[in-house]
Amino acid sequence: MKFLANISGAGNYALTHMKLERMYKKLGIWLKARLALSLFIAIAMWLAMVVMSRFGVEIPNKL
């Protein structure tokens, strides 16, 4: 990140560094939300398949 801020020049270093920090923080929050959503969907799908198999629905390629 310092490399990118240094490219912008001496006068803009502080501003660029601040904007990059904010961008990385937002991307981190976005990535955590995506991972949480993926985990929720995986658990919901697994639970749905278990319930369906308990009621006699044949599920192909079941692990």
PDB file of N, CA and C in Angstrom:
ATOM      1  N   MET A   1       0.818  -1.173   0.000  1.00  0.00           N
ATOM      2  CA  MET A   1       0.000   0.000   0.000  1.00  0.00           C
ATOM      3  C   MET A   1       0.874   1.253   0.000  1.00  0.00           C
ATOM      4  N   LYS A   2       1.986   1.208   0.704  1.00  0.00           N
ATOM      5  CA  LYS A   2       2.885   2.363   0.711  1.00  0.00           C
ATOM      6  C   LYS A   2       3.433   2.623  -0.684  1.00  0.00           C
ATOM      7  N   PHE A   3       3.660   1.545  -1.438  1.00  0.00           N
ATOM      8  CA  PHE A   3       4.163   1.700  -2.799  1.00  0.00           C
ATOM      9  C   PHE A   3       3.178   2.502  -3.638  1.00  0.00           C
ATOM     10  N   LEU A   4       1.897   2.156  -3.550  1.00  0.00           N
ATOM     11  CA  LEU A   4       0.889   2.881  -4.328  1.00  0.00           C
ATOM     12  C   LEU A   4       0.781   4.337  -3.882  1.00  0.00           C
ATOM     13  N   ALA A   5       0.898   4.574  -2.585  1.00  0.00           N
ATOM     14  CA  ALA A   5       0.830   5.951  -2.084  1.00  0.00           C
ATOM     15  C   ALA A   5       2.056   6.745  -2.521  1.00  0.00           C
ATOM     16  N   ASN A   6       3.228   6.103  -2.588  1.00  0.00           N
ATOM     17  CA  ASN A   6       4.446   6.793  -3.020  1.00  0.00           C
ATOM     18  C   ASN A   6       4.392   7.181  -4.489  1.00  0.00           C
ATOM     19  N   ILE A   7       3.711   6.402  -5.300  1.00  0.00           N
ATOM     20  CA  ILE A   7       3.595   6.709  -6.730  1.00  0.00           C
ATOM     21  C   ILE A   7       2.852   8.024  -6.942  1.00  0.00           C
ATOM     22  N   SER A   8       1.910   8.331  -6.056  1.00  0.00           N
ATOM     23  CA  SER A   8       1.084   9.526  -6.240  1.00  0.00           C
ATOM     24  C   SER A   8       1.857  10.825  -6.035  1.00  0.00           C
ATOM     25  N   GLY A   9       3.018  10.753  -5.441  1.00  0.00           N
ATOM     26  CA  GLY A   9       3.817  11.963  -5.243  1.00  0.00           C
ATOM     27  C   GLY A   9       3.859  12.365  -3.781  1.00  0.00           C
ATOM     28  N   ALA A  10       4.802  13.245  -3.461  1.00  0.00           N
ATOM     29  CA  ALA A  10       5.024  13.639  -2.067  1.00  0.00           C
ATOM     30  C   ALA A  10       3.855  14.452  -1.512  1.00  0.00           C
ATOM     31  N   GLY A  11       3.273  15.297  -2.319  1.00  0.00           N
ATOM     32  CA  GLY A  11       2.190  16.158  -1.844  1.00  0.00           C
ATOM     33  C   GLY A  11       0.898  15.411  -1.572  1.00  0.00           C
ATOM     34  N   ASN A  12       0.669  14.354  -2.292  1.00  0.00           N
ATOM     35  CA  ASN A  12      -0.589  13.618  -2.166  1.00  0.00           C
ATOM     36  C   ASN A  12      -0.453  12.339  -1.353  1.00  0.00           C
ATOM     37  N   TYR A  13       0.692  12.117  -0.726  1.00  0.00           N
ATOM     38  CA  TYR A  13       0.933  10.844  -0.031  1.00  0.00           C
ATOM     39  C   TYR A  13      -0.091  10.587   1.074  1.00  0.00           C
ATOM     40  N   ALA A  14      -0.320  11.579   1.932  1.00  0.00           N
ATOM     41  CA  ALA A  14      -1.224  11.388   3.074  1.00  0.00           C
ATOM     42  C   ALA A  14      -2.650  11.116   2.604  1.00  0.00           C
ATOM     43  N   LEU A  15      -3.103  11.889   1.638  1.00  0.00           N
ATOM     44  CA  LEU A  15      -4.461  11.712   1.124  1.00  0.00           C
ATOM     45  C   LEU A  15      -4.615  10.359   0.449  1.00  0.00           C
ATOM     46  N   THR A  16      -3.650   9.985  -0.372  1.00  0.00           N
ATOM     47  CA  THR A  16      -3.709   8.704  -1.072  1.00  0.00           C
ATOM     48  C   THR A  16      -3.649   7.546  -0.087  1.00  0.00           C
ATOM     49  N   HIS A  17      -2.785   7.655   0.912  1.00  0.00           N
ATOM     50  CA  HIS A  17      -2.669   6.594   1.916  1.00  0.00           C
ATOM     51  C   HIS A  17      -3.985   6.435   2.674  1.00  0.00           C
ATOM     52  N   MET A  18      -4.621   7.545   3.030  1.00  0.00           N
ATOM     53  CA  MET A  18      -5.889   7.500   3.749  1.00  0.00           C
ATOM     54  C   MET A  18      -6.974   6.834   2.897  1.00  0.00           C
ATOM     55  N   LYS A  19      -7.029   7.207   1.610  1.00  0.00           N
ATOM     56  CA  LYS A  19      -8.037   6.621   0.724  1.00  0.00           C
ATOM     57  C   LYS A  19      -7.800   5.126   0.521  1.00  0.00           C
ATOM     58  N   LEU A  20      -6.531   4.729   0.397  1.00  0.00           N
ATOM     59  CA  LEU A  20      -6.223   3.308   0.241  1.00  0.00           C
ATOM     60  C   LEU A  20      -6.581   2.523   1.499  1.00  0.00           C
ATOM     61  N   GLU A  21      -6.322   3.100   2.673  1.00  0.00           N
ATOM     62  CA  GLU A  21      -6.698   2.446   3.936  1.00  0.00           C
ATOM     63  C   GLU A  21      -8.206   2.218   3.990  1.00  0.00           C
ATOM     64  N   ARG A  22      -8.965   3.235   3.621  1.00  0.00           N
ATOM     65  CA  ARG A  22     -10.420   3.133   3.621  1.00  0.00           C
ATOM     66  C   ARG A  22     -10.897   2.075   2.620  1.00  0.00           C
ATOM     67  N   MET A  23     -10.263   2.052   1.448  1.00  0.00           N
ATOM     68  CA  MET A  23     -10.637   1.084   0.421  1.00  0.00           C
ATOM     69  C   MET A  23     -10.371  -0.343   0.896  1.00  0.00           C
ATOM     70  N   TYR A  24      -9.203  -0.582   1.504  1.00  0.00           N
ATOM     71  CA  TYR A  24      -8.879  -1.920   1.991  1.00  0.00           C
ATOM     72  C   TYR A  24      -9.827  -2.344   3.107  1.00  0.00           C
ATOM     73  N   LYS A  25     -10.218  -1.412   3.955  1.00  0.00           N
ATOM     74  CA  LYS A  25     -11.151  -1.735   5.034  1.00  0.00           C
ATOM     75  C   LYS A  25     -12.508  -2.140   4.464  1.00  0.00           C
ATOM     76  N   LYS A  26     -12.997  -1.387   3.473  1.00  0.00           N
ATOM     77  CA  LYS A  26     -14.284  -1.718   2.861  1.00  0.00           C
ATOM     78  C   LYS A  26     -14.223  -3.047   2.128  1.00  0.00           C
ATOM     79  N   LEU A  27     -13.115  -3.313   1.447  1.00  0.00           N
ATOM     80  CA  LEU A  27     -12.975  -4.591   0.758  1.00  0.00           C
ATOM     81  C   LEU A  27     -12.922  -5.742   1.753  1.00  0.00           C
ATOM     82  N   GLY A  28     -12.304  -5.522   2.898  1.00  0.00           N
ATOM     83  CA  GLY A  28     -12.257  -6.553   3.928  1.00  0.00           C
ATOM     84  C   GLY A  28     -13.644  -6.871   4.458  1.00  0.00           C
ATOM     85  N   ILE A  29     -14.434  -5.847   4.706  1.00  0.00           N
ATOM     86  CA  ILE A  29     -15.805  -6.045   5.171  1.00  0.00           C
ATOM     87  C   ILE A  29     -16.617  -6.770   4.106  1.00  0.00           C
ATOM     88  N   TRP A  30     -16.449  -6.394   2.841  1.00  0.00           N
ATOM     89  CA  TRP A  30     -17.175  -7.029   1.742  1.00  0.00           C
ATOM     90  C   TRP A  30     -16.812  -8.506   1.653  1.00  0.00           C
ATOM     91  N   LEU A  31     -15.521  -8.817   1.773  1.00  0.00           N
ATOM     92  CA  LEU A  31     -15.078 -10.206   1.679  1.00  0.00           C
ATOM     93  C   LEU A  31     -15.622 -11.035   2.836  1.00  0.00           C
ATOM     94  N   LYS A  32     -15.619 -10.490   4.036  1.00  0.00           N
ATOM     95  CA  LYS A  32     -16.176 -11.209   5.184  1.00  0.00           C
ATOM     96  C   LYS A  32     -17.663 -11.471   4.987  1.00  0.00           C
ATOM     97  N   ALA A  33     -18.381 -10.496   4.456  1.00  0.00           N
ATOM     98  CA  ALA A  33     -19.811 -10.678   4.209  1.00  0.00           C
ATOM     99  C   ALA A  33     -20.050 -11.758   3.161  1.00  0.00           C
ATOM    100  N   ARG A  34     -19.233 -11.773   2.104  1.00  0.00           N
ATOM    101  CA  ARG A  34     -19.378 -12.804   1.064  1.00  0.00           C
ATOM    102  C   ARG A  34     -19.112 -14.195   1.622  1.00  0.00           C
ATOM    103  N   LEU A  35     -18.084 -14.327   2.454  1.00  0.00           N
ATOM    104  CA  LEU A  35     -17.772 -15.625   3.055  1.00  0.00           C
ATOM    105  C   LEU A  35     -18.881 -16.078   3.994  1.00  0.00           C
ATOM    106  N   ALA A  36     -19.423 -15.164   4.783  1.00  0.00           N
ATOM    107  CA  ALA A  36     -20.520 -15.507   5.689  1.00  0.00           C
ATOM    108  C   ALA A  36     -21.751 -15.932   4.903  1.00  0.00           C
ATOM    109  N   LEU A  37     -22.056 -15.229   3.825  1.00  0.00           N
ATOM    110  CA  LEU A  37     -23.200 -15.583   2.991  1.00  0.00           C
ATOM    111  C   LEU A  37     -23.000 -16.945   2.341  1.00  0.00           C
ATOM    112  N   SER A  38     -21.806 -17.223   1.856  1.00  0.00           N
ATOM    113  CA  SER A  38     -21.512 -18.523   1.248  1.00  0.00           C
ATOM    114  C   SER A  38     -21.665 -19.649   2.258  1.00  0.00           C
ATOM    115  N   LEU A  39     -21.187 -19.436   3.465  1.00  0.00           N
ATOM    116  CA  LEU A  39     -21.317 -20.442   4.515  1.00  0.00           C
ATOM    117  C   LEU A  39     -22.784 -20.672   4.863  1.00  0.00           C
ATOM    118  N   PHE A  40     -23.559 -19.610   4.972  1.00  0.00           N
ATOM    119  CA  PHE A  40     -24.985 -19.733   5.261  1.00  0.00           C
ATOM    120  C   PHE A  40     -25.704 -20.514   4.166  1.00  0.00           C
ATOM    121  N   ILE A  41     -25.410 -20.223   2.904  1.00  0.00           N
ATOM    122  CA  ILE A  41     -26.051 -20.923   1.790  1.00  0.00           C
ATOM    123  C   ILE A  41     -25.661 -22.392   1.789  1.00  0.00           C
ATOM    124  N   ALA A  42     -24.393 -22.696   2.056  1.00  0.00           N
ATOM    125  CA  ALA A  42     -23.940 -24.089   2.086  1.00  0.00           C
ATOM    126  C   ALA A  42     -24.652 -24.870   3.184  1.00  0.00           C
ATOM    127  N   ILE A  43     -24.774 -24.285   4.363  1.00  0.00           N
ATOM    128  CA  ILE A  43     -25.457 -24.968   5.468  1.00  0.00           C
ATOM    129  C   ILE A  43     -26.940 -25.134   5.159  1.00  0.00           C
ATOM    130  N   ALA A  44     -27.559 -24.113   4.583  1.00  0.00           N
ATOM    131  CA  ALA A  44     -28.975 -24.199   4.232  1.00  0.00           C
ATOM    132  C   ALA A  44     -29.219 -25.280   3.177  1.00  0.00           C
ATOM    133  N   MET A  45     -28.346 -25.375   2.189  1.00  0.00           N
ATOM    134  CA  MET A  45     -28.496 -26.410   1.152  1.00  0.00           C
ATOM    135  C   MET A  45     -28.303 -27.797   1.747  1.00  0.00           C
ATOM    136  N   TRP A  46     -27.298 -27.956   2.618  1.00  0.00           N
ATOM    137  CA  TRP A  46     -27.063 -29.247   3.254  1.00  0.00           C
ATOM    138  C   TRP A  46     -28.281 -29.652   4.089  1.00  0.00           C
ATOM    139  N   LEU A  47     -28.813 -28.709   4.859  1.00  0.00           N
ATOM    140  CA  LEU A  47     -29.974 -28.986   5.690  1.00  0.00           C
ATOM    141  C   LEU A  47     -31.189 -29.344   4.832  1.00  0.00           C
ATOM    142  N   ALA A  48     -31.388 -28.631   3.729  1.00  0.00           N
ATOM    143  CA  ALA A  48     -32.503 -28.931   2.830  1.00  0.00           C
ATOM    144  C   ALA A  48     -32.361 -30.329   2.239  1.00  0.00           C
ATOM    145  N   MET A  49     -31.155 -30.722   1.864  1.00  0.00           N
ATOM    146  CA  MET A  49     -30.948 -32.063   1.304  1.00  0.00           C
ATOM    147  C   MET A  49     -31.173 -33.139   2.356  1.00  0.00           C
ATOM    148  N   VAL A  50     -30.762 -32.888   3.587  1.00  0.00           N
ATOM    149  CA  VAL A  50     -30.992 -33.862   4.662  1.00  0.00           C
ATOM    150  C   VAL A  50     -32.487 -34.029   4.902  1.00  0.00           C
ATOM    151  N   VAL A  51     -33.215 -32.922   4.968  1.00  0.00           N
ATOM    152  CA  VAL A  51     -34.660 -32.984   5.190  1.00  0.00           C
ATOM    153  C   VAL A  51     -35.342 -33.699   4.029  1.00  0.00           C
ATOM    154  N   MET A  52     -34.950 -33.381   2.800  1.00  0.00           N
ATOM    155  CA  MET A  52     -35.557 -34.030   1.634  1.00  0.00           C
ATOM    156  C   MET A  52     -35.265 -35.524   1.623  1.00  0.00           C
ATOM    157  N   SER A  53     -34.061 -35.922   1.997  1.00  0.00           N
ATOM    158  CA  SER A  53     -33.740 -37.351   1.998  1.00  0.00           C
ATOM    159  C   SER A  53     -34.498 -38.077   3.107  1.00  0.00           C
ATOM    160  N   ARG A  54     -34.792 -37.407   4.210  1.00  0.00           N
ATOM    161  CA  ARG A  54     -35.585 -38.013   5.295  1.00  0.00           C
ATOM    162  C   ARG A  54     -37.021 -38.284   4.849  1.00  0.00           C
ATOM    163  N   PHE A  55     -37.536 -37.471   3.939  1.00  0.00           N
ATOM    164  CA  PHE A  55     -38.889 -37.660   3.435  1.00  0.00           C
ATOM    165  C   PHE A  55     -38.937 -38.550   2.200  1.00  0.00           C
ATOM    166  N   GLY A  56     -37.823 -39.170   1.853  1.00  0.00           N
ATOM    167  CA  GLY A  56     -37.809 -40.149   0.779  1.00  0.00           C
ATOM    168  C   GLY A  56     -37.483 -39.613  -0.598  1.00  0.00           C
ATOM    169  N   VAL A  57     -37.094 -38.377  -0.716  1.00  0.00           N
ATOM    170  CA  VAL A  57     -36.712 -37.827  -2.013  1.00  0.00           C
ATOM    171  C   VAL A  57     -35.305 -38.318  -2.329  1.00  0.00           C
ATOM    172  N   GLU A  58     -35.154 -38.984  -3.462  1.00  0.00           N
ATOM    173  CA  GLU A  58     -33.849 -39.515  -3.854  1.00  0.00           C
ATOM    174  C   GLU A  58     -33.001 -38.387  -4.432  1.00  0.00           C
ATOM    175  N   ILE A  59     -31.844 -38.175  -3.852  1.00  0.00           N
ATOM    176  CA  ILE A  59     -30.942 -37.107  -4.287  1.00  0.00           C
ATOM    177  C   ILE A  59     -29.746 -37.748  -4.976  1.00  0.00           C
ATOM    178  N   PRO A  60     -29.549 -37.485  -6.271  1.00  0.00           N
ATOM    179  CA  PRO A  60     -28.415 -38.089  -6.980  1.00  0.00           C
ATOM    180  C   PRO A  60     -27.085 -37.466  -6.540  1.00  0.00           C
ATOM    181  N   ASN A  61     -26.013 -38.248  -6.641  1.00  0.00           N
ATOM    182  CA  ASN A  61     -24.651 -37.805  -6.314  1.00  0.00           C
ATOM    183  C   ASN A  61     -24.536 -37.292  -4.886  1.00  0.00           C
ATOM    184  N   LYS A  62     -25.214 -37.968  -4.001  1.00  0.00           N
ATOM    185  CA  LYS A  62     -25.160 -37.593  -2.589  1.00  0.00           C
ATOM    186  C   LYS A  62     -23.821 -38.031  -2.012  1.00  0.00           C
ATOM    187  N   LEU A  63     -23.143 -37.161  -1.285  1.00  0.00           N
ATOM    188  CA  LEU A  63     -21.852 -37.508  -0.688  1.00  0.00           C
ATOM    189  C   LEU A  63     -22.037 -38.128   0.661  1.00  0.00           C
TER     190      LEU A  63
END
